């Protein structure tokens, strides 16, 4: 296992451009992309060069700032297209709306020339707040895992700093806990169809020098049933007002297996991922992605017939009743229901 690495971020704001670590090239190549307008920020979000609900929101905030700087008198169309880049994670629309509102207020008060500075200030403040939130989430989730006595922790998709600002969410909780718990380990699902667990979570765990093992998604339920996993912790792309959770496809199956085995199923993420306007999880729009993400290996090799029909939902919804606790920077909701979620807002 490699030596521990310094704290790193998947994105950097450089004042006049946004630099993104291209996550489609990991784990073998660390390539940074430069974004200078809303359109190339949106393109990076759509193709998953930047991903994870909080980091999508941070990138989108800077995308608004870039667009306002480039076109102070005509930024609205580009920002509207950026807002529509991906539908499921609430952070994208929330961040765009937040920076856009700050821009409109400044321009209404002092004219179009006030827009760029206001947009940059709002995006930088949002980034700082998300960094602080993710660090508190990681600490709170680690404390809960310790309270539960979990030594073998299962996670899904990628929810570390590649996805969730400075401290990560679910993976940040697991890493913090395992580092403080001798003999503890993280079990990472490979996470079909995009293999974000195999490509990204394993890369982060190796970089952090944390004991871990990679496993097929379909192996999780059997290991849980055999008593080989003590707790499941996952992230969240959107949480409805009643506590239903949208997360990377495959999460719901882990929740069902955890309930059947009587082990905790935890969800971790910032309050910015809660959408109080959404009554229940069934109302969350589930993104359907390109069929070739299933038909082809990451290198492009066909895995099946090119004509094979495909269903490729990127997310599923786990009902609140299956969630043991929702960990946020503002506290832990336990049990997870409409009242406990509202208390976090």
C-alpha atoms as a PDB file:
ATOM      1  CA  UNK A   1       0.000   0.000   0.000  1.00  0.00           C
ATOM      2  CA  UNK A   2       1.315   3.463  -0.844  1.00  0.00           C
ATOM      3  CA  UNK A   3       2.340   6.053   1.713  1.00  0.00           C
ATOM      4  CA  UNK A   4      -0.210   8.498   3.115  1.00  0.00           C
ATOM      5  CA  UNK A   5      -0.735  11.513   0.899  1.00  0.00           C
ATOM      6  CA  UNK A   6      -1.293  15.130   1.792  1.00  0.00           C
ATOM      7  CA  UNK A   7      -4.830  16.473   1.779  1.00  0.00           C
ATOM      8  CA  UNK A   8      -5.874  17.100  -1.783  1.00  0.00           C
ATOM      9  CA  UNK A   9      -8.860  18.410  -3.680  1.00  0.00           C
ATOM     10  CA  UNK A  10     -10.454  17.355  -6.932  1.00  0.00           C
ATOM     11  CA  UNK A  11     -10.905  20.977  -8.023  1.00  0.00           C
ATOM     12  CA  UNK A  12      -8.987  24.253  -7.782  1.00  0.00           C
ATOM     13  CA  UNK A  13     -10.228  27.780  -8.304  1.00  0.00           C
ATOM     14  CA  UNK A  14      -7.527  29.855  -9.981  1.00  0.00           C
ATOM     15  CA  UNK A  15      -9.334  33.184 -10.151  1.00  0.00           C
ATOM     16  CA  UNK A  16      -9.951  33.249 -13.890  1.00  0.00           C
ATOM     17  CA  UNK A  17     -10.494  29.544 -14.500  1.00  0.00           C
ATOM     18  CA  UNK A  18     -11.581  26.367 -12.754  1.00  0.00           C
ATOM     19  CA  UNK A  19      -9.158  23.428 -12.726  1.00  0.00           C
ATOM     20  CA  UNK A  20     -10.750  19.982 -12.431  1.00  0.00           C
ATOM     21  CA  UNK A  21      -9.032  16.655 -11.845  1.00  0.00           C
ATOM     22  CA  UNK A  22     -10.433  14.569 -14.712  1.00  0.00           C
ATOM     23  CA  UNK A  23     -11.947  11.619 -12.876  1.00  0.00           C
ATOM     24  CA  UNK A  24     -12.612   9.754 -16.109  1.00  0.00           C
ATOM     25  CA  UNK A  25      -8.829   9.235 -16.383  1.00  0.00           C
ATOM     26  CA  UNK A  26      -8.273   7.887 -12.876  1.00  0.00           C
ATOM     27  CA  UNK A  27      -6.758   5.768 -11.422  1.00  0.00           C
ATOM     28  CA  UNK A  28      -3.920   5.585 -13.932  1.00  0.00           C
ATOM     29  CA  UNK A  29      -3.624   9.179 -15.137  1.00  0.00           C
ATOM     30  CA  UNK A  30      -3.933  12.381 -13.109  1.00  0.00           C
ATOM     31  CA  UNK A  31      -4.931  14.999 -15.680  1.00  0.00           C
ATOM     32  CA  UNK A  32      -6.214  18.483 -14.835  1.00  0.00           C
ATOM     33  CA  UNK A  33      -8.743  20.225 -17.079  1.00  0.00           C
ATOM     34  CA  UNK A  34      -9.282  23.960 -17.340  1.00  0.00           C
ATOM     35  CA  UNK A  35     -12.794  25.454 -17.543  1.00  0.00           C
ATOM     36  CA  UNK A  36     -13.311  29.107 -18.512  1.00  0.00           C
ATOM     37  CA  UNK A  37     -17.078  29.300 -19.223  1.00  0.00           C
ATOM     38  CA  UNK A  38     -20.321  27.741 -18.055  1.00  0.00           C
ATOM     39  CA  UNK A  39     -20.467  25.544 -21.168  1.00  0.00           C
ATOM     40  CA  UNK A  40     -17.197  23.696 -20.572  1.00  0.00           C
ATOM     41  CA  UNK A  41     -18.036  23.381 -16.867  1.00  0.00           C
ATOM     42  CA  UNK A  42     -21.363  21.812 -17.847  1.00  0.00           C
ATOM     43  CA  UNK A  43     -19.604  19.483 -20.288  1.00  0.00           C
ATOM     44  CA  UNK A  44     -17.210  18.336 -17.534  1.00  0.00           C
ATOM     45  CA  UNK A  45     -20.161  17.667 -15.237  1.00  0.00           C
ATOM     46  CA  UNK A  46     -22.085  15.722 -17.890  1.00  0.00           C
ATOM     47  CA  UNK A  47     -19.200  13.435 -18.761  1.00  0.00           C
ATOM     48  CA  UNK A  48     -18.276  12.909 -15.072  1.00  0.00           C
ATOM     49  CA  UNK A  49     -14.880  14.599 -15.209  1.00  0.00           C
ATOM     50  CA  UNK A  50     -16.175  16.147 -11.999  1.00  0.00           C
ATOM     51  CA  UNK A  51     -18.769  14.206 -10.018  1.00  0.00           C
ATOM     52  CA  UNK A  52     -20.297  13.700  -6.588  1.00  0.00           C
ATOM     53  CA  UNK A  53     -23.173  15.934  -5.529  1.00  0.00           C
ATOM     54  CA  UNK A  54     -21.178  18.450  -3.421  1.00  0.00           C
ATOM     55  CA  UNK A  55     -18.330  18.783  -5.924  1.00  0.00           C
ATOM     56  CA  UNK A  56     -20.799  19.146  -8.784  1.00  0.00           C
ATOM     57  CA  UNK A  57     -22.324  22.029  -6.841  1.00  0.00           C
ATOM     58  CA  UNK A  58     -18.949  23.673  -6.186  1.00  0.00           C
ATOM     59  CA  UNK A  59     -17.900  23.318  -9.826  1.00  0.00           C
ATOM     60  CA  UNK A  60     -21.234  24.720 -10.988  1.00  0.00           C
ATOM     61  CA  UNK A  61     -20.883  27.712  -8.649  1.00  0.00           C
ATOM     62  CA  UNK A  62     -17.554  28.556 -10.240  1.00  0.00           C
ATOM     63  CA  UNK A  63     -19.059  27.914 -13.680  1.00  0.00           C
ATOM     64  CA  UNK A  64     -21.578  30.679 -12.982  1.00  0.00           C
ATOM     65  CA  UNK A  65     -18.786  33.014 -11.864  1.00  0.00           C
ATOM     66  CA  UNK A  66     -16.835  32.283 -15.051  1.00  0.00           C
ATOM     67  CA  UNK A  67     -19.873  32.955 -17.231  1.00  0.00           C
ATOM     68  CA  UNK A  68     -20.760  36.200 -15.471  1.00  0.00           C
ATOM     69  CA  UNK A  69     -17.155  37.375 -15.852  1.00  0.00           C
ATOM     70  CA  UNK A  70     -17.093  36.510 -19.547  1.00  0.00           C
ATOM     71  CA  UNK A  71     -20.546  37.906 -20.346  1.00  0.00           C
ATOM     72  CA  UNK A  72     -21.733  40.301 -17.613  1.00  0.00           C
ATOM     73  CA  UNK A  73     -24.615  41.524 -19.783  1.00  0.00           C
ATOM     74  CA  UNK A  74     -25.697  38.125 -21.117  1.00  0.00           C
ATOM     75  CA  UNK A  75     -24.790  35.347 -18.697  1.00  0.00           C
ATOM     76  CA  UNK A  76     -28.271  33.945 -18.045  1.00  0.00           C
ATOM     77  CA  UNK A  77     -28.558  31.523 -21.043  1.00  0.00           C
ATOM     78  CA  UNK A  78     -25.214  29.855 -20.354  1.00  0.00           C
ATOM     79  CA  UNK A  79     -26.028  29.521 -16.679  1.00  0.00           C
ATOM     80  CA  UNK A  80     -29.443  28.008 -17.457  1.00  0.00           C
ATOM     81  CA  UNK A  81     -27.752  25.351 -19.603  1.00  0.00           C
ATOM     82  CA  UNK A  82     -25.263  24.649 -16.807  1.00  0.00           C
ATOM     83  CA  UNK A  83     -28.118  24.194 -14.332  1.00  0.00           C
ATOM     84  CA  UNK A  84     -29.593  21.470 -16.574  1.00  0.00           C
ATOM     85  CA  UNK A  85     -26.342  19.501 -16.983  1.00  0.00           C
ATOM     86  CA  UNK A  86     -27.470  16.627 -14.695  1.00  0.00           C
ATOM     87  CA  UNK A  87     -30.902  16.179 -13.130  1.00  0.00           C
ATOM     88  CA  UNK A  88     -30.673  14.028  -9.994  1.00  0.00           C
ATOM     89  CA  UNK A  89     -28.251  15.713  -7.571  1.00  0.00           C
ATOM     90  CA  UNK A  90     -29.899  18.722  -5.940  1.00  0.00           C
ATOM     91  CA  UNK A  91     -26.565  20.475  -5.297  1.00  0.00           C
ATOM     92  CA  UNK A  92     -26.162  21.480  -8.940  1.00  0.00           C
ATOM     93  CA  UNK A  93     -29.336  23.541  -9.152  1.00  0.00           C
ATOM     94  CA  UNK A  94     -28.922  24.803  -5.584  1.00  0.00           C
ATOM     95  CA  UNK A  95     -25.402  26.122  -6.226  1.00  0.00           C
ATOM     96  CA  UNK A  96     -26.280  27.709  -9.566  1.00  0.00           C
ATOM     97  CA  UNK A  97     -29.335  29.416  -8.082  1.00  0.00           C
ATOM     98  CA  UNK A  98     -27.351  30.652  -5.079  1.00  0.00           C
ATOM     99  CA  UNK A  99     -24.588  32.303  -7.119  1.00  0.00           C
ATOM    100  CA  UNK A 100     -27.040  33.579  -9.739  1.00  0.00           C
ATOM    101  CA  UNK A 101     -29.147  35.251  -7.031  1.00  0.00           C
ATOM    102  CA  UNK A 102     -26.079  36.973  -5.562  1.00  0.00           C
ATOM    103  CA  UNK A 103     -25.140  38.168  -9.046  1.00  0.00           C
ATOM    104  CA  UNK A 104     -28.594  39.536  -9.824  1.00  0.00           C
ATOM    105  CA  UNK A 105     -28.722  41.358  -6.498  1.00  0.00           C
ATOM    106  CA  UNK A 106     -25.339  43.005  -7.106  1.00  0.00           C
ATOM    107  CA  UNK A 107     -26.212  43.995 -10.663  1.00  0.00           C
ATOM    108  CA  UNK A 108     -29.564  45.408  -9.594  1.00  0.00           C
ATOM    109  CA  UNK A 109     -27.836  47.542  -6.976  1.00  0.00           C
ATOM    110  CA  UNK A 110     -24.737  48.668  -8.869  1.00  0.00           C
ATOM    111  CA  UNK A 111     -25.065  47.705 -12.535  1.00  0.00           C
ATOM    112  CA  UNK A 112     -23.729  44.877 -14.715  1.00  0.00           C
ATOM    113  CA  UNK A 113     -20.119  45.597 -13.793  1.00  0.00           C
ATOM    114  CA  UNK A 114     -20.765  44.509 -10.216  1.00  0.00           C
ATOM    115  CA  UNK A 115     -21.750  41.026 -11.302  1.00  0.00           C
ATOM    116  CA  UNK A 116     -18.380  39.293 -11.745  1.00  0.00           C
ATOM    117  CA  UNK A 117     -17.015  40.144  -8.294  1.00  0.00           C
ATOM    118  CA  UNK A 118     -20.306  39.216  -6.631  1.00  0.00           C
ATOM    119  CA  UNK A 119     -20.427  35.873  -8.452  1.00  0.00           C
ATOM    120  CA  UNK A 120     -16.821  35.057  -7.574  1.00  0.00           C
ATOM    121  CA  UNK A 121     -17.344  35.974  -3.930  1.00  0.00           C
ATOM    122  CA  UNK A 122     -20.501  33.850  -3.720  1.00  0.00           C
ATOM    123  CA  UNK A 123     -18.815  30.844  -5.368  1.00  0.00           C
ATOM    124  CA  UNK A 124     -15.757  31.075  -3.113  1.00  0.00           C
ATOM    125  CA  UNK A 125     -17.942  31.345  -0.005  1.00  0.00           C
ATOM    126  CA  UNK A 126     -19.989  28.331  -1.114  1.00  0.00           C
ATOM    127  CA  UNK A 127     -16.796  26.329  -1.666  1.00  0.00           C
ATOM    128  CA  UNK A 128     -15.468  27.215   1.783  1.00  0.00           C
ATOM    129  CA  UNK A 129     -18.780  26.287   3.389  1.00  0.00           C
ATOM    130  CA  UNK A 130     -18.871  22.918   1.611  1.00  0.00           C
ATOM    131  CA  UNK A 131     -15.284  22.184   2.666  1.00  0.00           C
ATOM    132  CA  UNK A 132     -16.143  22.897   6.296  1.00  0.00           C
ATOM    133  CA  UNK A 133     -19.353  20.889   6.072  1.00  0.00           C
ATOM    134  CA  UNK A 134     -17.652  17.811   4.631  1.00  0.00           C
ATOM    135  CA  UNK A 135     -15.021  17.863   7.358  1.00  0.00           C
ATOM    136  CA  UNK A 136     -17.761  17.932  10.023  1.00  0.00           C
ATOM    137  CA  UNK A 137     -19.651  15.131   8.252  1.00  0.00           C
ATOM    138  CA  UNK A 138     -16.520  12.944   8.251  1.00  0.00           C
ATOM    139  CA  UNK A 139     -15.968  13.540  11.960  1.00  0.00           C
ATOM    140  CA  UNK A 140     -19.605  12.919  12.903  1.00  0.00           C
ATOM    141  CA  UNK A 141     -19.855   9.757  10.816  1.00  0.00           C
ATOM    142  CA  UNK A 142     -16.614   8.373  12.238  1.00  0.00           C
ATOM    143  CA  UNK A 143     -17.919   8.961  15.754  1.00  0.00           C
ATOM    144  CA  UNK A 144     -21.133   7.108  14.904  1.00  0.00           C
ATOM    145  CA  UNK A 145     -19.251   4.155  13.382  1.00  0.00           C
ATOM    146  CA  UNK A 146     -17.132   3.990  16.541  1.00  0.00           C
ATOM    147  CA  UNK A 147     -20.271   4.079  18.704  1.00  0.00           C
ATOM    148  CA  UNK A 148     -21.672   1.193  16.673  1.00  0.00           C
ATOM    149  CA  UNK A 149     -18.450  -0.794  17.053  1.00  0.00           C
ATOM    150  CA  UNK A 150     -18.116  -1.258  13.294  1.00  0.00           C
ATOM    151  CA  UNK A 151     -14.808  -2.779  12.195  1.00  0.00           C
ATOM    152  CA  UNK A 152     -15.763  -3.958   8.690  1.00  0.00           C
ATOM    153  CA  UNK A 153     -17.411  -1.071   6.862  1.00  0.00           C
ATOM    154  CA  UNK A 154     -19.030  -1.438   3.434  1.00  0.00           C
ATOM    155  CA  UNK A 155     -19.354   1.559   1.131  1.00  0.00           C
ATOM    156  CA  UNK A 156     -20.677   2.112  -2.383  1.00  0.00           C
ATOM    157  CA  UNK A 157     -19.658   4.319  -5.314  1.00  0.00           C
ATOM    158  CA  UNK A 158     -17.213   7.117  -4.451  1.00  0.00           C
ATOM    159  CA  UNK A 159     -17.900   9.532  -1.619  1.00  0.00           C
ATOM    160  CA  UNK A 160     -14.462  10.800  -0.670  1.00  0.00           C
ATOM    161  CA  UNK A 161     -12.738  14.047  -1.555  1.00  0.00           C
ATOM    162  CA  UNK A 162     -13.159  13.266  -5.249  1.00  0.00           C
ATOM    163  CA  UNK A 163     -16.882  13.725  -4.700  1.00  0.00           C
ATOM    164  CA  UNK A 164     -17.471  15.771  -1.582  1.00  0.00           C
ATOM    165  CA  UNK A 165     -15.107  18.694  -0.961  1.00  0.00           C
ATOM    166  CA  UNK A 166     -12.315  18.613   1.630  1.00  0.00           C
ATOM    167  CA  UNK A 167     -13.394  15.797   3.943  1.00  0.00           C
ATOM    168  CA  UNK A 168     -15.602  13.600   1.800  1.00  0.00           C
ATOM    169  CA  UNK A 169     -18.918  12.240   3.016  1.00  0.00           C
ATOM    170  CA  UNK A 170     -19.456   8.503   3.556  1.00  0.00           C
ATOM    171  CA  UNK A 171     -15.923   7.528   2.529  1.00  0.00           C
ATOM    172  CA  UNK A 172     -14.530  10.350   4.643  1.00  0.00           C
ATOM    173  CA  UNK A 173     -16.431   8.937   7.627  1.00  0.00           C
ATOM    174  CA  UNK A 174     -15.073   5.452   6.950  1.00  0.00           C
ATOM    175  CA  UNK A 175     -11.477   6.592   6.445  1.00  0.00           C
ATOM    176  CA  UNK A 176     -11.502   8.690   9.619  1.00  0.00           C
ATOM    177  CA  UNK A 177     -12.975   5.807  11.612  1.00  0.00           C
ATOM    178  CA  UNK A 178     -10.667   3.101  10.247  1.00  0.00           C
ATOM    179  CA  UNK A 179      -7.561   5.200  10.852  1.00  0.00           C
ATOM    180  CA  UNK A 180      -8.537   5.423  14.534  1.00  0.00           C
ATOM    181  CA  UNK A 181      -9.587   1.763  14.886  1.00  0.00           C
ATOM    182  CA  UNK A 182      -6.860  -0.911  14.815  1.00  0.00           C
ATOM    183  CA  UNK A 183      -7.883  -3.883  12.713  1.00  0.00           C
ATOM    184  CA  UNK A 184     -10.727  -2.045  10.975  1.00  0.00           C
ATOM    185  CA  UNK A 185     -11.107  -2.081   7.199  1.00  0.00           C
ATOM    186  CA  UNK A 186     -13.193  -0.631   4.373  1.00  0.00           C
ATOM    187  CA  UNK A 187     -14.918  -2.900   1.844  1.00  0.00           C
ATOM    188  CA  UNK A 188     -15.557  -0.974  -1.368  1.00  0.00           C
ATOM    189  CA  UNK A 189     -18.056  -2.095  -3.976  1.00  0.00           C
ATOM    190  CA  UNK A 190     -16.845  -1.707  -7.557  1.00  0.00           C
ATOM    191  CA  UNK A 191     -20.128   0.096  -8.339  1.00  0.00           C
ATOM    192  CA  UNK A 192     -21.577  -0.659 -11.733  1.00  0.00           C
ATOM    193  CA  UNK A 193     -21.946   0.610 -14.372  1.00  0.00           C
ATOM    194  CA  UNK A 194     -19.183   3.230 -14.168  1.00  0.00           C
ATOM    195  CA  UNK A 195     -16.919   1.359 -11.734  1.00  0.00           C
ATOM    196  CA  UNK A 196     -16.475   4.433  -9.552  1.00  0.00           C
ATOM    197  CA  UNK A 197     -15.699   2.242  -6.572  1.00  0.00           C
ATOM    198  CA  UNK A 198     -13.005   0.302  -8.422  1.00  0.00           C
ATOM    199  CA  UNK A 199     -11.531   3.324 -10.204  1.00  0.00           C
ATOM    200  CA  UNK A 200     -11.939   6.074  -7.629  1.00  0.00           C
ATOM    201  CA  UNK A 201     -12.671   4.771  -4.126  1.00  0.00           C
ATOM    202  CA  UNK A 202      -9.863   2.217  -4.267  1.00  0.00           C
ATOM    203  CA  UNK A 203      -7.540   4.985  -5.507  1.00  0.00           C
ATOM    204  CA  UNK A 204      -8.505   7.225  -2.581  1.00  0.00           C
ATOM    205  CA  UNK A 205      -8.140   4.416  -0.034  1.00  0.00           C
ATOM    206  CA  UNK A 206      -4.716   3.503  -1.366  1.00  0.00           C
ATOM    207  CA  UNK A 207      -3.680   7.147  -1.326  1.00  0.00           C
ATOM    208  CA  UNK A 208      -4.873   7.420   2.284  1.00  0.00           C
ATOM    209  CA  UNK A 209      -3.039   4.198   3.295  1.00  0.00           C
ATOM    210  CA  UNK A 210      -6.254   2.749   4.740  1.00  0.00           C
ATOM    211  CA  UNK A 211      -6.785  -1.052   4.865  1.00  0.00           C
ATOM    212  CA  UNK A 212      -9.356  -1.965   2.244  1.00  0.00           C
ATOM    213  CA  UNK A 213     -10.612  -4.547  -0.220  1.00  0.00           C
ATOM    214  CA  UNK A 214     -12.563  -4.245  -3.455  1.00  0.00           C
ATOM    215  CA  UNK A 215     -15.594  -6.422  -4.151  1.00  0.00           C
ATOM    216  CA  UNK A 216     -18.262  -6.937  -6.793  1.00  0.00           C
ATOM    217  CA  UNK A 217     -21.580  -5.213  -6.113  1.00  0.00           C
ATOM    218  CA  UNK A 218     -23.366  -8.545  -6.250  1.00  0.00           C
ATOM    219  CA  UNK A 219     -21.166  -9.988  -3.477  1.00  0.00           C
ATOM    220  CA  UNK A 220     -22.302  -7.492  -0.839  1.00  0.00           C
ATOM    221  CA  UNK A 221     -25.590  -9.109   0.170  1.00  0.00           C
ATOM    222  CA  UNK A 222     -23.974 -12.509   0.664  1.00  0.00           C
ATOM    223  CA  UNK A 223     -21.174 -11.102   2.815  1.00  0.00           C
ATOM    224  CA  UNK A 224     -23.688  -9.135   4.876  1.00  0.00           C
ATOM    225  CA  UNK A 225     -25.786 -12.276   5.386  1.00  0.00           C
ATOM    226  CA  UNK A 226     -22.687 -14.209   6.506  1.00  0.00           C
ATOM    227  CA  UNK A 227     -21.928 -11.630   9.169  1.00  0.00           C
ATOM    228  CA  UNK A 228     -18.786 -10.342   7.459  1.00  0.00           C
ATOM    229  CA  UNK A 229     -19.863  -6.683   7.396  1.00  0.00           C
ATOM    230  CA  UNK A 230     -20.692  -4.639  10.500  1.00  0.00           C
ATOM    231  CA  UNK A 231     -22.161  -1.503   8.906  1.00  0.00           C
ATOM    232  CA  UNK A 232     -22.944   0.028   5.534  1.00  0.00           C
ATOM    233  CA  UNK A 233     -22.311   3.727   4.925  1.00  0.00           C
ATOM    234  CA  UNK A 234     -23.148   5.483   1.648  1.00  0.00           C
ATOM    235  CA  UNK A 235     -23.470   9.018   0.365  1.00  0.00           C
ATOM    236  CA  UNK A 236     -26.487  10.809  -1.060  1.00  0.00           C
ATOM    237  CA  UNK A 237     -27.180  12.802  -4.195  1.00  0.00           C
ATOM    238  CA  UNK A 238     -30.567  13.996  -2.992  1.00  0.00           C
ATOM    239  CA  UNK A 239     -32.596  13.498   0.177  1.00  0.00           C
ATOM    240  CA  UNK A 240     -36.337  14.144   0.034  1.00  0.00           C
ATOM    241  CA  UNK A 241     -38.188  15.911   2.845  1.00  0.00           C
ATOM    242  CA  UNK A 242     -39.382  12.574   4.245  1.00  0.00           C
ATOM    243  CA  UNK A 243     -35.833  11.142   4.371  1.00  0.00           C
ATOM    244  CA  UNK A 244     -35.916   8.995   1.226  1.00  0.00           C
ATOM    245  CA  UNK A 245     -32.428   8.932  -0.315  1.00  0.00           C
ATOM    246  CA  UNK A 246     -31.316   8.954  -3.944  1.00  0.00           C
ATOM    247  CA  UNK A 247     -27.819   7.551  -4.383  1.00  0.00           C
ATOM    248  CA  UNK A 248     -25.783   5.661  -6.983  1.00  0.00           C
ATOM    249  CA  UNK A 249     -27.643   2.669  -8.369  1.00  0.00           C
ATOM    250  CA  UNK A 250     -27.142  -0.428  -6.214  1.00  0.00           C
ATOM    251  CA  UNK A 251     -27.579   1.414  -2.912  1.00  0.00           C
ATOM    252  CA  UNK A 252     -31.136   0.178  -2.379  1.00  0.00           C
ATOM    253  CA  UNK A 253     -29.997  -3.451  -2.585  1.00  0.00           C
ATOM    254  CA  UNK A 254     -27.407  -2.844   0.147  1.00  0.00           C
ATOM    255  CA  UNK A 255     -30.083  -1.261   2.344  1.00  0.00           C
ATOM    256  CA  UNK A 256     -32.380  -4.264   1.941  1.00  0.00           C
ATOM    257  CA  UNK A 257     -29.553  -6.677   2.777  1.00  0.00           C
ATOM    258  CA  UNK A 258     -28.572  -4.616   5.822  1.00  0.00           C
ATOM    259  CA  UNK A 259     -32.148  -4.608   7.104  1.00  0.00           C
ATOM    260  CA  UNK A 260     -32.452  -8.373   6.647  1.00  0.00           C
ATOM    261  CA  UNK A 261     -29.206  -8.928   8.575  1.00  0.00           C
ATOM    262  CA  UNK A 262     -29.960  -6.384  11.278  1.00  0.00           C
ATOM    263  CA  UNK A 263     -26.872  -4.223  10.699  1.00  0.00           C
ATOM    264  CA  UNK A 264     -26.811  -0.391  10.464  1.00  0.00           C
ATOM    265  CA  UNK A 265     -27.337   1.299   7.116  1.00  0.00           C
ATOM    266  CA  UNK A 266     -26.006   4.851   7.331  1.00  0.00           C
ATOM    267  CA  UNK A 267     -26.226   7.746   4.876  1.00  0.00           C
ATOM    268  CA  UNK A 268     -23.787  10.655   5.059  1.00  0.00           C
ATOM    269  CA  UNK A 269     -23.822  13.967   3.244  1.00  0.00           C
ATOM    270  CA  UNK A 270     -24.080  17.719   3.653  1.00  0.00           C
ATOM    271  CA  UNK A 271     -27.354  19.489   4.339  1.00  0.00           C
ATOM    272  CA  UNK A 272     -27.063  20.975   0.836  1.00  0.00           C
ATOM    273  CA  UNK A 273     -28.086  17.532  -0.482  1.00  0.00           C
ATOM    274  CA  UNK A 274     -31.464  17.741   1.289  1.00  0.00           C
ATOM    275  CA  UNK A 275     -34.267  18.996  -0.941  1.00  0.00           C
ATOM    276  CA  UNK A 276     -37.097  20.127   1.373  1.00  0.00           C
ATOM    277  CA  UNK A 277     -39.271  21.009  -1.614  1.00  0.00           C
ATOM    278  CA  UNK A 278     -39.376  17.348  -2.650  1.00  0.00           C
ATOM    279  CA  UNK A 279     -42.012  15.486  -0.668  1.00  0.00           C
ATOM    280  CA  UNK A 280     -40.807  11.927  -1.227  1.00  0.00           C
ATOM    281  CA  UNK A 281     -38.163   9.938  -3.027  1.00  0.00           C
ATOM    282  CA  UNK A 282     -40.552   8.742  -5.701  1.00  0.00           C
ATOM    283  CA  UNK A 283     -40.583  12.297  -7.066  1.00  0.00           C
ATOM    284  CA  UNK A 284     -36.819  12.381  -7.655  1.00  0.00           C
ATOM    285  CA  UNK A 285     -35.891  12.403 -11.333  1.00  0.00           C
ATOM    286  CA  UNK A 286     -33.608   9.430 -12.003  1.00  0.00           C
ATOM    287  CA  UNK A 287     -30.989  10.059 -14.655  1.00  0.00           C
ATOM    288  CA  UNK A 288     -30.738   7.433 -17.415  1.00  0.00           C
ATOM    289  CA  UNK A 289     -27.246   7.418 -18.874  1.00  0.00           C
ATOM    290  CA  UNK A 290     -25.782   6.281 -22.197  1.00  0.00           C
ATOM    291  CA  UNK A 291     -26.201   2.604 -23.031  1.00  0.00           C
ATOM    292  CA  UNK A 292     -22.529   2.226 -23.948  1.00  0.00           C
ATOM    293  CA  UNK A 293     -21.584   2.709 -20.298  1.00  0.00           C
ATOM    294  CA  UNK A 294     -22.912  -0.842 -19.892  1.00  0.00           C
ATOM    295  CA  UNK A 295     -22.172  -2.230 -23.325  1.00  0.00           C
ATOM    296  CA  UNK A 296     -18.500  -1.294 -23.243  1.00  0.00           C
ATOM    297  CA  UNK A 297     -15.562  -1.616 -20.880  1.00  0.00           C
ATOM    298  CA  UNK A 298     -13.946   1.653 -19.719  1.00  0.00           C
ATOM    299  CA  UNK A 299     -11.395   1.274 -22.527  1.00  0.00           C
ATOM    300  CA  UNK A 300     -14.129   1.020 -25.150  1.00  0.00           C
ATOM    301  CA  UNK A 301     -14.126  -2.744 -25.760  1.00  0.00           C
ATOM    302  CA  UNK A 302     -17.588  -4.161 -26.398  1.00  0.00           C
ATOM    303  CA  UNK A 303     -18.749  -6.470 -23.597  1.00  0.00           C
ATOM    304  CA  UNK A 304     -21.933  -7.556 -25.351  1.00  0.00           C
ATOM    305  CA  UNK A 305     -23.580  -7.210 -28.752  1.00  0.00           C
ATOM    306  CA  UNK A 306     -23.602  -3.611 -29.929  1.00  0.00           C
ATOM    307  CA  UNK A 307     -27.347  -3.936 -30.543  1.00  0.00           C
ATOM    308  CA  UNK A 308     -28.229  -5.187 -27.022  1.00  0.00           C
ATOM    309  CA  UNK A 309     -31.019  -3.055 -25.484  1.00  0.00           C
ATOM    310  CA  UNK A 310     -29.919  -1.436 -22.224  1.00  0.00           C
ATOM    311  CA  UNK A 311     -31.468   0.155 -19.130  1.00  0.00           C
ATOM    312  CA  UNK A 312     -28.917   2.352 -17.391  1.00  0.00           C
ATOM    313  CA  UNK A 313     -30.416   4.266 -14.448  1.00  0.00           C
ATOM    314  CA  UNK A 314     -27.597   6.065 -12.630  1.00  0.00           C
ATOM    315  CA  UNK A 315     -29.386   6.173  -9.265  1.00  0.00           C
ATOM    316  CA  UNK A 316     -31.975   4.414  -7.141  1.00  0.00           C
ATOM    317  CA  UNK A 317     -34.025   5.530  -4.159  1.00  0.00           C
ATOM    318  CA  UNK A 318     -33.787   3.993  -0.691  1.00  0.00           C
ATOM    319  CA  UNK A 319     -36.859   4.558   1.524  1.00  0.00           C
ATOM    320  CA  UNK A 320     -36.233   6.403   4.780  1.00  0.00           C
ATOM    321  CA  UNK A 321     -37.459   3.402   6.762  1.00  0.00           C
ATOM    322  CA  UNK A 322     -34.357   1.466   5.718  1.00  0.00           C
ATOM    323  CA  UNK A 323     -31.928   4.208   6.817  1.00  0.00           C
ATOM    324  CA  UNK A 324     -30.587   3.849  10.364  1.00  0.00           C
ATOM    325  CA  UNK A 325     -29.174   7.381  10.496  1.00  0.00           C
ATOM    326  CA  UNK A 326     -28.554  10.388   8.263  1.00  0.00           C
ATOM    327  CA  UNK A 327     -25.222  12.042   9.115  1.00  0.00           C
ATOM    328  CA  UNK A 328     -24.791  15.735   8.252  1.00  0.00           C
ATOM    329  CA  UNK A 329     -22.643  18.659   9.344  1.00  0.00           C
ATOM    330  CA  UNK A 330     -25.550  19.867  11.485  1.00  0.00           C
ATOM    331  CA  UNK A 331     -26.057  16.636  13.362  1.00  0.00           C
ATOM    332  CA  UNK A 332     -27.346  13.101  12.980  1.00  0.00           C
ATOM    333  CA  UNK A 333     -30.993  12.328  12.193  1.00  0.00           C
ATOM    334  CA  UNK A 334     -31.924   9.073  13.922  1.00  0.00           C
ATOM    335  CA  UNK A 335     -34.496   7.708  13.159  1.00  0.00           C
ATOM    336  CA  UNK A 336     -34.796   9.214   9.700  1.00  0.00           C
ATOM    337  CA  UNK A 337     -38.214  10.719   9.059  1.00  0.00           C
ATOM    338  CA  UNK A 338     -39.857  13.978   8.037  1.00  0.00           C
ATOM    339  CA  UNK A 339     -39.450  15.570  11.476  1.00  0.00           C
ATOM    340  CA  UNK A 340     -35.807  14.598  11.994  1.00  0.00           C
ATOM    341  CA  UNK A 341     -34.832  15.740   8.497  1.00  0.00           C
ATOM    342  CA  UNK A 342     -36.624  19.073   8.954  1.00  0.00           C
ATOM    343  CA  UNK A 343     -34.730  19.604  12.230  1.00  0.00           C
ATOM    344  CA  UNK A 344     -31.461  19.634  10.267  1.00  0.00           C
ATOM    345  CA  UNK A 345     -32.513  22.512   8.017  1.00  0.00           C
END
